[in-house]
Amino acid sequence: FPGLGASDFSTKPLRSFLDDRGYATYPWDLGR
């Protein structure tokens, strides 16, 4: 889940890291 005023773009580095570590990551997909 992203922070106030932010979108899934802000969590992309975090998701990329966890994807690389073998997790199945998902953005919240609800816009900003």
PDB file of all heavy atoms in Angstrom:
ATOM      1  N   PHE A   1       0.825  -1.192   0.000  1.00  0.00           N
ATOM      2  CA  PHE A   1       0.000   0.000   0.000  1.00  0.00           C
ATOM      3  C   PHE A   1       0.877   1.267   0.000  1.00  0.00           C
ATOM      4  O   PHE A   1       1.775   1.390   0.841  1.00  0.00           O
ATOM      5  CB  PHE A   1      -0.888   0.039   1.244  1.00  0.00           C
ATOM      6  CG  PHE A   1      -1.828  -1.131   1.371  1.00  0.00           C
ATOM      7  CD1 PHE A   1      -1.368  -2.359   1.838  1.00  0.00           C
ATOM      8  CD2 PHE A   1      -3.164  -1.008   1.034  1.00  0.00           C
ATOM      9  CE1 PHE A   1      -2.234  -3.445   1.958  1.00  0.00           C
ATOM     10  CE2 PHE A   1      -4.032  -2.081   1.152  1.00  0.00           C
ATOM     11  CZ  PHE A   1      -3.576  -3.295   1.612  1.00  0.00           C
ATOM     12  N   PRO A   2       0.620   2.216  -0.903  1.00  0.00           N
ATOM     13  CA  PRO A   2       1.408   3.449  -0.959  1.00  0.00           C
ATOM     14  C   PRO A   2       0.980   4.450   0.115  1.00  0.00           C
ATOM     15  O   PRO A   2      -0.066   4.285   0.762  1.00  0.00           O
ATOM     16  CB  PRO A   2       1.101   3.987  -2.360  1.00  0.00           C
ATOM     17  CG  PRO A   2      -0.305   3.532  -2.606  1.00  0.00           C
ATOM     18  CD  PRO A   2      -0.400   2.164  -1.971  1.00  0.00           C
ATOM     19  N   GLY A   3       1.775   5.496   0.288  1.00  0.00           N
ATOM     20  CA  GLY A   3       1.483   6.521   1.272  1.00  0.00           C
ATOM     21  C   GLY A   3       0.516   7.578   0.764  1.00  0.00           C
ATOM     22  O   GLY A   3       0.056   7.531  -0.387  1.00  0.00           O
ATOM     23  N   LEU A   4       0.225   8.540   1.610  1.00  0.00           N
ATOM     24  CA  LEU A   4      -0.713   9.612   1.290  1.00  0.00           C
ATOM     25  C   LEU A   4      -0.273  10.384   0.051  1.00  0.00           C
ATOM     26  O   LEU A   4       0.857  10.846  -0.034  1.00  0.00           O
ATOM     27  CB  LEU A   4      -0.828  10.569   2.477  1.00  0.00           C
ATOM     28  CG  LEU A   4      -1.691  11.814   2.275  1.00  0.00           C
ATOM     29  CD1 LEU A   4      -3.138  11.424   1.979  1.00  0.00           C
ATOM     30  CD2 LEU A   4      -1.621  12.726   3.503  1.00  0.00           C
ATOM     31  N   GLY A   5      -1.173  10.508  -0.904  1.00  0.00           N
ATOM     32  CA  GLY A   5      -0.904  11.240  -2.126  1.00  0.00           C
ATOM     33  C   GLY A   5      -0.067  10.489  -3.138  1.00  0.00           C
ATOM     34  O   GLY A   5       0.156  10.979  -4.245  1.00  0.00           O
ATOM     35  N   ALA A   6       0.392   9.306  -2.784  1.00  0.00           N
ATOM     36  CA  ALA A   6       1.269   8.533  -3.670  1.00  0.00           C
ATOM     37  C   ALA A   6       0.487   7.446  -4.390  1.00  0.00           C
ATOM     38  O   ALA A   6      -0.611   7.050  -3.985  1.00  0.00           O
ATOM     39  CB  ALA A   6       2.417   7.913  -2.875  1.00  0.00           C
ATOM     40  N   SER A   7       1.089   6.948  -5.455  1.00  0.00           N
ATOM     41  CA  SER A   7       0.486   5.878  -6.250  1.00  0.00           C
ATOM     42  C   SER A   7       1.370   4.635  -6.186  1.00  0.00           C
ATOM     43  O   SER A   7       2.402   4.619  -5.496  1.00  0.00           O
ATOM     44  CB  SER A   7       0.344   6.326  -7.706  1.00  0.00           C
ATOM     45  OG  SER A   7       1.629   6.485  -8.295  1.00  0.00           O
ATOM     46  N   ASP A   8       1.008   3.619  -6.933  1.00  0.00           N
ATOM     47  CA  ASP A   8       1.803   2.394  -6.973  1.00  0.00           C
ATOM     48  C   ASP A   8       3.198   2.624  -7.554  1.00  0.00           C
ATOM     49  O   ASP A   8       4.104   1.821  -7.320  1.00  0.00           O
ATOM     50  CB  ASP A   8       1.080   1.321  -7.791  1.00  0.00           C
ATOM     51  CG  ASP A   8      -0.168   0.802  -7.090  1.00  0.00           C
ATOM     52  OD1 ASP A   8      -0.123   0.663  -5.857  1.00  0.00           O
ATOM     53  OD2 ASP A   8      -1.170   0.544  -7.775  1.00  0.00           O
ATOM     54  N   PHE A   9       3.375   3.707  -8.292  1.00  0.00           N
ATOM     55  CA  PHE A   9       4.693   4.016  -8.839  1.00  0.00           C
ATOM     56  C   PHE A   9       5.716   4.194  -7.718  1.00  0.00           C
ATOM     57  O   PHE A   9       6.884   3.806  -7.862  1.00  0.00           O
ATOM     58  CB  PHE A   9       4.625   5.290  -9.688  1.00  0.00           C
ATOM     59  CG  PHE A   9       5.954   5.688 -10.281  1.00  0.00           C
ATOM     60  CD1 PHE A   9       6.454   5.038 -11.403  1.00  0.00           C
ATOM     61  CD2 PHE A   9       6.708   6.709  -9.712  1.00  0.00           C
ATOM     62  CE1 PHE A   9       7.683   5.400 -11.943  1.00  0.00           C
ATOM     63  CE2 PHE A   9       7.939   7.072 -10.249  1.00  0.00           C
ATOM     64  CZ  PHE A   9       8.424   6.419 -11.370  1.00  0.00           C
ATOM     65  N   SER A  10       5.284   4.766  -6.582  1.00  0.00           N
ATOM     66  CA  SER A  10       6.202   5.021  -5.465  1.00  0.00           C
ATOM     67  C   SER A  10       6.703   3.736  -4.821  1.00  0.00           C
ATOM     68  O   SER A  10       7.778   3.713  -4.220  1.00  0.00           O
ATOM     69  CB  SER A  10       5.522   5.890  -4.404  1.00  0.00           C
ATOM     70  OG  SER A  10       4.470   5.180  -3.759  1.00  0.00           O
ATOM     71  N   THR A  11       5.940   2.660  -4.928  1.00  0.00           N
ATOM     72  CA  THR A  11       6.341   1.395  -4.303  1.00  0.00           C
ATOM     73  C   THR A  11       7.000   0.433  -5.287  1.00  0.00           C
ATOM     74  O   THR A  11       7.289  -0.710  -4.941  1.00  0.00           O
ATOM     75  CB  THR A  11       5.124   0.694  -3.658  1.00  0.00           C
ATOM     76  OG1 THR A  11       4.175   0.332  -4.676  1.00  0.00           O
ATOM     77  CG2 THR A  11       4.445   1.601  -2.643  1.00  0.00           C
ATOM     78  N   LYS A  12       7.244   0.893  -6.506  1.00  0.00           N
ATOM     79  CA  LYS A  12       7.843   0.017  -7.507  1.00  0.00           C
ATOM     80  C   LYS A  12       9.221  -0.498  -7.102  1.00  0.00           C
ATOM     81  O   LYS A  12       9.510  -1.696  -7.263  1.00  0.00           O
ATOM     82  CB  LYS A  12       7.919   0.723  -8.856  1.00  0.00           C
ATOM     83  CG  LYS A  12       8.345  -0.181 -10.002  1.00  0.00           C
ATOM     84  CD  LYS A  12       8.260   0.517 -11.351  1.00  0.00           C
ATOM     85  CE  LYS A  12       8.661  -0.416 -12.477  1.00  0.00           C
ATOM     86  NZ  LYS A  12       8.568   0.250 -13.811  1.00  0.00           N
ATOM     87  N   PRO A  13      10.137   0.357  -6.568  1.00  0.00           N
ATOM     88  CA  PRO A  13      11.443  -0.168  -6.136  1.00  0.00           C
ATOM     89  C   PRO A  13      11.309  -1.239  -5.059  1.00  0.00           C
ATOM     90  O   PRO A  13      12.021  -2.252  -5.086  1.00  0.00           O
ATOM     91  CB  PRO A  13      12.164   1.076  -5.603  1.00  0.00           C
ATOM     92  CG  PRO A  13      11.536   2.214  -6.324  1.00  0.00           C
ATOM     93  CD  PRO A  13      10.090   1.830  -6.438  1.00  0.00           C
ATOM     94  N   LEU A  14      10.385  -1.019  -4.134  1.00  0.00           N
ATOM     95  CA  LEU A  14      10.176  -1.986  -3.059  1.00  0.00           C
ATOM     96  C   LEU A  14       9.638  -3.300  -3.616  1.00  0.00           C
ATOM     97  O   LEU A  14      10.103  -4.386  -3.252  1.00  0.00           O
ATOM     98  CB  LEU A  14       9.195  -1.368  -2.048  1.00  0.00           C
ATOM     99  CG  LEU A  14       9.074  -1.992  -0.662  1.00  0.00           C
ATOM    100  CD1 LEU A  14       8.529  -0.949   0.317  1.00  0.00           C
ATOM    101  CD2 LEU A  14       8.167  -3.197  -0.685  1.00  0.00           C
ATOM    102  N   ARG A  15       8.692  -3.200  -4.544  1.00  0.00           N
ATOM    103  CA  ARG A  15       8.129  -4.414  -5.137  1.00  0.00           C
ATOM    104  C   ARG A  15       9.163  -5.151  -5.986  1.00  0.00           C
ATOM    105  O   ARG A  15       9.210  -6.383  -5.995  1.00  0.00           O
ATOM    106  CB  ARG A  15       6.901  -4.061  -5.975  1.00  0.00           C
ATOM    107  CG  ARG A  15       5.674  -3.729  -5.125  1.00  0.00           C
ATOM    108  CD  ARG A  15       4.430  -3.453  -5.948  1.00  0.00           C
ATOM    109  NE  ARG A  15       4.421  -2.115  -6.509  1.00  0.00           N
ATOM    110  CZ  ARG A  15       4.390  -1.833  -7.789  1.00  0.00           C
ATOM    111  NH1 ARG A  15       4.364  -2.823  -8.686  1.00  0.00           N
ATOM    112  NH2 ARG A  15       4.365  -0.585  -8.220  1.00  0.00           N
ATOM    113  N   SER A  16      10.000  -4.405  -6.679  1.00  0.00           N
ATOM    114  CA  SER A  16      11.040  -5.042  -7.500  1.00  0.00           C
ATOM    115  C   SER A  16      12.019  -5.811  -6.628  1.00  0.00           C
ATOM    116  O   SER A  16      12.441  -6.929  -6.975  1.00  0.00           O
ATOM    117  CB  SER A  16      11.787  -3.975  -8.311  1.00  0.00           C
ATOM    118  OG  SER A  16      10.937  -3.363  -9.255  1.00  0.00           O
ATOM    119  N   PHE A  17      12.371  -5.220  -5.488  1.00  0.00           N
ATOM    120  CA  PHE A  17      13.270  -5.900  -4.558  1.00  0.00           C
ATOM    121  C   PHE A  17      12.656  -7.197  -4.053  1.00  0.00           C
ATOM    122  O   PHE A  17      13.307  -8.250  -4.037  1.00  0.00           O
ATOM    123  CB  PHE A  17      13.611  -4.975  -3.387  1.00  0.00           C
ATOM    124  CG  PHE A  17      14.239  -5.683  -2.223  1.00  0.00           C
ATOM    125  CD1 PHE A  17      15.541  -6.158  -2.299  1.00  0.00           C
ATOM    126  CD2 PHE A  17      13.519  -5.896  -1.052  1.00  0.00           C
ATOM    127  CE1 PHE A  17      16.124  -6.841  -1.223  1.00  0.00           C
ATOM    128  CE2 PHE A  17      14.089  -6.562   0.014  1.00  0.00           C
ATOM    129  CZ  PHE A  17      15.392  -7.036  -0.069  1.00  0.00           C
ATOM    130  N   LEU A  18      11.392  -7.139  -3.634  1.00  0.00           N
ATOM    131  CA  LEU A  18      10.745  -8.327  -3.093  1.00  0.00           C
ATOM    132  C   LEU A  18      10.473  -9.374  -4.174  1.00  0.00           C
ATOM    133  O   LEU A  18      10.551 -10.578  -3.911  1.00  0.00           O
ATOM    134  CB  LEU A  18       9.448  -7.937  -2.388  1.00  0.00           C
ATOM    135  CG  LEU A  18       9.625  -7.102  -1.112  1.00  0.00           C
ATOM    136  CD1 LEU A  18       8.269  -6.741  -0.518  1.00  0.00           C
ATOM    137  CD2 LEU A  18      10.474  -7.843  -0.085  1.00  0.00           C
ATOM    138  N   ASP A  19      10.188  -8.929  -5.386  1.00  0.00           N
ATOM    139  CA  ASP A  19      10.053  -9.880  -6.499  1.00  0.00           C
ATOM    140  C   ASP A  19      11.361 -10.647  -6.685  1.00  0.00           C
ATOM    141  O   ASP A  19      11.367 -11.872  -6.893  1.00  0.00           O
ATOM    142  CB  ASP A  19       9.707  -9.146  -7.792  1.00  0.00           C
ATOM    143  CG  ASP A  19       8.244  -8.725  -7.867  1.00  0.00           C
ATOM    144  OD1 ASP A  19       7.417  -9.366  -7.194  1.00  0.00           O
ATOM    145  OD2 ASP A  19       7.945  -7.760  -8.580  1.00  0.00           O
ATOM    146  N   ASP A  20      12.464  -9.917  -6.612  1.00  0.00           N
ATOM    147  CA  ASP A  20      13.774 -10.532  -6.776  1.00  0.00           C
ATOM    148  C   ASP A  20      14.077 -11.526  -5.661  1.00  0.00           C
ATOM    149  O   ASP A  20      14.818 -12.487  -5.864  1.00  0.00           O
ATOM    150  CB  ASP A  20      14.857  -9.448  -6.815  1.00  0.00           C
ATOM    151  CG  ASP A  20      16.240 -10.016  -7.047  1.00  0.00           C
ATOM    152  OD1 ASP A  20      16.493 -10.521  -8.150  1.00  0.00           O
ATOM    153  OD2 ASP A  20      17.076  -9.965  -6.105  1.00  0.00           O
ATOM    154  N   ARG A  21      13.497 -11.284  -4.490  1.00  0.00           N
ATOM    155  CA  ARG A  21      13.704 -12.179  -3.355  1.00  0.00           C
ATOM    156  C   ARG A  21      12.757 -13.372  -3.385  1.00  0.00           C
ATOM    157  O   ARG A  21      12.757 -14.192  -2.453  1.00  0.00           O
ATOM    158  CB  ARG A  21      13.528 -11.417  -2.030  1.00  0.00           C
ATOM    159  CG  ARG A  21      14.589 -10.370  -1.713  1.00  0.00           C
ATOM    160  CD  ARG A  21      15.964 -10.985  -1.486  1.00  0.00           C
ATOM    161  NE  ARG A  21      16.669 -11.207  -2.750  1.00  0.00           N
ATOM    162  CZ  ARG A  21      17.542 -12.164  -2.954  1.00  0.00           C
ATOM    163  NH1 ARG A  21      17.834 -13.037  -2.002  1.00  0.00           N
ATOM    164  NH2 ARG A  21      18.150 -12.295  -4.122  1.00  0.00           N
ATOM    165  N   GLY A  22      11.936 -13.471  -4.410  1.00  0.00           N
ATOM    166  CA  GLY A  22      11.108 -14.657  -4.565  1.00  0.00           C
ATOM    167  C   GLY A  22       9.675 -14.535  -4.117  1.00  0.00           C
ATOM    168  O   GLY A  22       8.961 -15.547  -4.040  1.00  0.00           O
ATOM    169  N   TYR A  23       9.199 -13.320  -3.824  1.00  0.00           N
ATOM    170  CA  TYR A  23       7.815 -13.140  -3.414  1.00  0.00           C
ATOM    171  C   TYR A  23       6.940 -12.775  -4.612  1.00  0.00           C
ATOM    172  O   TYR A  23       7.434 -12.292  -5.640  1.00  0.00           O
ATOM    173  CB  TYR A  23       7.712 -12.045  -2.346  1.00  0.00           C
ATOM    174  CG  TYR A  23       8.487 -12.360  -1.101  1.00  0.00           C
ATOM    175  CD1 TYR A  23       9.784 -11.867  -0.922  1.00  0.00           C
ATOM    176  CD2 TYR A  23       7.952 -13.176  -0.107  1.00  0.00           C
ATOM    177  CE1 TYR A  23      10.521 -12.177   0.211  1.00  0.00           C
ATOM    178  CE2 TYR A  23       8.684 -13.497   1.023  1.00  0.00           C
ATOM    179  CZ  TYR A  23       9.965 -13.003   1.181  1.00  0.00           C
ATOM    180  OH  TYR A  23      10.694 -13.311   2.302  1.00  0.00           O
ATOM    181  N   ALA A  24       5.651 -12.989  -4.470  1.00  0.00           N
ATOM    182  CA  ALA A  24       4.689 -12.579  -5.493  1.00  0.00           C
ATOM    183  C   ALA A  24       4.061 -11.277  -5.013  1.00  0.00           C
ATOM    184  O   ALA A  24       3.148 -11.292  -4.185  1.00  0.00           O
ATOM    185  CB  ALA A  24       3.624 -13.656  -5.678  1.00  0.00           C
ATOM    186  N   THR A  25       4.580 -10.148  -5.490  1.00  0.00           N
ATOM    187  CA  THR A  25       4.116  -8.858  -4.987  1.00  0.00           C
ATOM    188  C   THR A  25       2.982  -8.299  -5.832  1.00  0.00           C
ATOM    189  O   THR A  25       2.893  -8.543  -7.035  1.00  0.00           O
ATOM    190  CB  THR A  25       5.255  -7.828  -4.938  1.00  0.00           C
ATOM    191  OG1 THR A  25       5.676  -7.514  -6.278  1.00  0.00           O
ATOM    192  CG2 THR A  25       6.433  -8.358  -4.144  1.00  0.00           C
ATOM    193  N   TYR A  26       2.143  -7.506  -5.169  1.00  0.00           N
ATOM    194  CA  TYR A  26       0.998  -6.884  -5.823  1.00  0.00           C
ATOM    195  C   TYR A  26       0.856  -5.434  -5.364  1.00  0.00           C
ATOM    196  O   TYR A  26       0.947  -5.148  -4.166  1.00  0.00           O
ATOM    197  CB  TYR A  26      -0.295  -7.634  -5.485  1.00  0.00           C
ATOM    198  CG  TYR A  26      -0.349  -9.014  -6.077  1.00  0.00           C
ATOM    199  CD1 TYR A  26       0.211 -10.099  -5.403  1.00  0.00           C
ATOM    200  CD2 TYR A  26      -0.936  -9.243  -7.322  1.00  0.00           C
ATOM    201  CE1 TYR A  26       0.178 -11.376  -5.945  1.00  0.00           C
ATOM    202  CE2 TYR A  26      -0.975 -10.512  -7.877  1.00  0.00           C
ATOM    203  CZ  TYR A  26      -0.420 -11.576  -7.179  1.00  0.00           C
ATOM    204  OH  TYR A  26      -0.442 -12.843  -7.729  1.00  0.00           O
ATOM    205  N   PRO A  27       0.611  -4.510  -6.308  1.00  0.00           N
ATOM    206  CA  PRO A  27       0.305  -3.130  -5.936  1.00  0.00           C
ATOM    207  C   PRO A  27      -1.140  -3.069  -5.454  1.00  0.00           C
ATOM    208  O   PRO A  27      -1.926  -3.987  -5.728  1.00  0.00           O
ATOM    209  CB  PRO A  27       0.490  -2.366  -7.247  1.00  0.00           C
ATOM    210  CG  PRO A  27       0.122  -3.371  -8.291  1.00  0.00           C
ATOM    211  CD  PRO A  27       0.631  -4.701  -7.771  1.00  0.00           C
ATOM    212  N   TRP A  28      -1.496  -1.990  -4.771  1.00  0.00           N
ATOM    213  CA  TRP A  28      -2.878  -1.928  -4.288  1.00  0.00           C
ATOM    214  C   TRP A  28      -3.857  -1.664  -5.430  1.00  0.00           C
ATOM    215  O   TRP A  28      -5.022  -1.997  -5.328  1.00  0.00           O
ATOM    216  CB  TRP A  28      -3.009  -0.934  -3.141  1.00  0.00           C
ATOM    217  CG  TRP A  28      -3.211   0.526  -3.489  1.00  0.00           C
ATOM    218  CD1 TRP A  28      -2.694   1.221  -4.536  1.00  0.00           C
ATOM    219  CD2 TRP A  28      -4.025   1.449  -2.753  1.00  0.00           C
ATOM    220  NE1 TRP A  28      -3.109   2.537  -4.495  1.00  0.00           N
ATOM    221  CE2 TRP A  28      -3.930   2.707  -3.402  1.00  0.00           C
ATOM    222  CE3 TRP A  28      -4.807   1.347  -1.599  1.00  0.00           C
ATOM    223  CZ2 TRP A  28      -4.579   3.850  -2.953  1.00  0.00           C
ATOM    224  CZ3 TRP A  28      -5.452   2.495  -1.141  1.00  0.00           C
ATOM    225  CH2 TRP A  28      -5.343   3.712  -1.812  1.00  0.00           C
ATOM    226  N   ASP A  29      -3.379  -1.040  -6.520  1.00  0.00           N
ATOM    227  CA  ASP A  29      -4.167  -0.900  -7.754  1.00  0.00           C
ATOM    228  C   ASP A  29      -5.437  -0.070  -7.565  1.00  0.00           C
ATOM    229  O   ASP A  29      -6.464  -0.343  -8.193  1.00  0.00           O
ATOM    230  CB  ASP A  29      -4.528  -2.294  -8.284  1.00  0.00           C
ATOM    231  CG  ASP A  29      -4.779  -2.290  -9.791  1.00  0.00           C
ATOM    232  OD1 ASP A  29      -4.255  -1.393 -10.469  1.00  0.00           O
ATOM    233  OD2 ASP A  29      -5.504  -3.183 -10.275  1.00  0.00           O
ATOM    234  N   LEU A  30      -5.339   0.971  -6.722  1.00  0.00           N
ATOM    235  CA  LEU A  30      -6.496   1.836  -6.473  1.00  0.00           C
ATOM    236  C   LEU A  30      -6.167   3.304  -6.737  1.00  0.00           C
ATOM    237  O   LEU A  30      -6.773   4.202  -6.149  1.00  0.00           O
ATOM    238  CB  LEU A  30      -6.994   1.657  -5.031  1.00  0.00           C
ATOM    239  CG  LEU A  30      -7.634   0.305  -4.714  1.00  0.00           C
ATOM    240  CD1 LEU A  30      -7.845   0.145  -3.215  1.00  0.00           C
ATOM    241  CD2 LEU A  30      -8.955   0.146  -5.460  1.00  0.00           C
ATOM    242  N   GLY A  31      -5.198   3.538  -7.618  1.00  0.00           N
ATOM    243  CA  GLY A  31      -4.841   4.915  -7.944  1.00  0.00           C
ATOM    244  C   GLY A  31      -4.023   5.576  -6.844  1.00  0.00           C
ATOM    245  O   GLY A  31      -3.335   4.906  -6.073  1.00  0.00           O
ATOM    246  N   ARG A  32      -4.109   6.889  -6.783  1.00  0.00           N
ATOM    247  CA  ARG A  32      -3.396   7.613  -5.724  1.00  0.00           C
ATOM    248  C   ARG A  32      -4.122   7.437  -4.390  1.00  0.00           C
ATOM    249  O   ARG A  32      -5.346   7.376  -4.341  1.00  0.00           O
ATOM    250  CB  ARG A  32      -3.276   9.096  -6.061  1.00  0.00           C
ATOM    251  CG  ARG A  32      -2.284   9.374  -7.181  1.00  0.00           C
ATOM    252  CD  ARG A  32      -1.941  10.853  -7.290  1.00  0.00           C
ATOM    253  NE  ARG A  32      -0.925  11.044  -8.309  1.00  0.00           N
ATOM    254  CZ  ARG A  32       0.375  10.943  -8.099  1.00  0.00           C
ATOM    255  NH1 ARG A  32       0.820  10.659  -6.886  1.00  0.00           N
ATOM    256  NH2 ARG A  32       1.243  11.136  -9.076  1.00  0.00           N
TER     257      ARG A  32
END
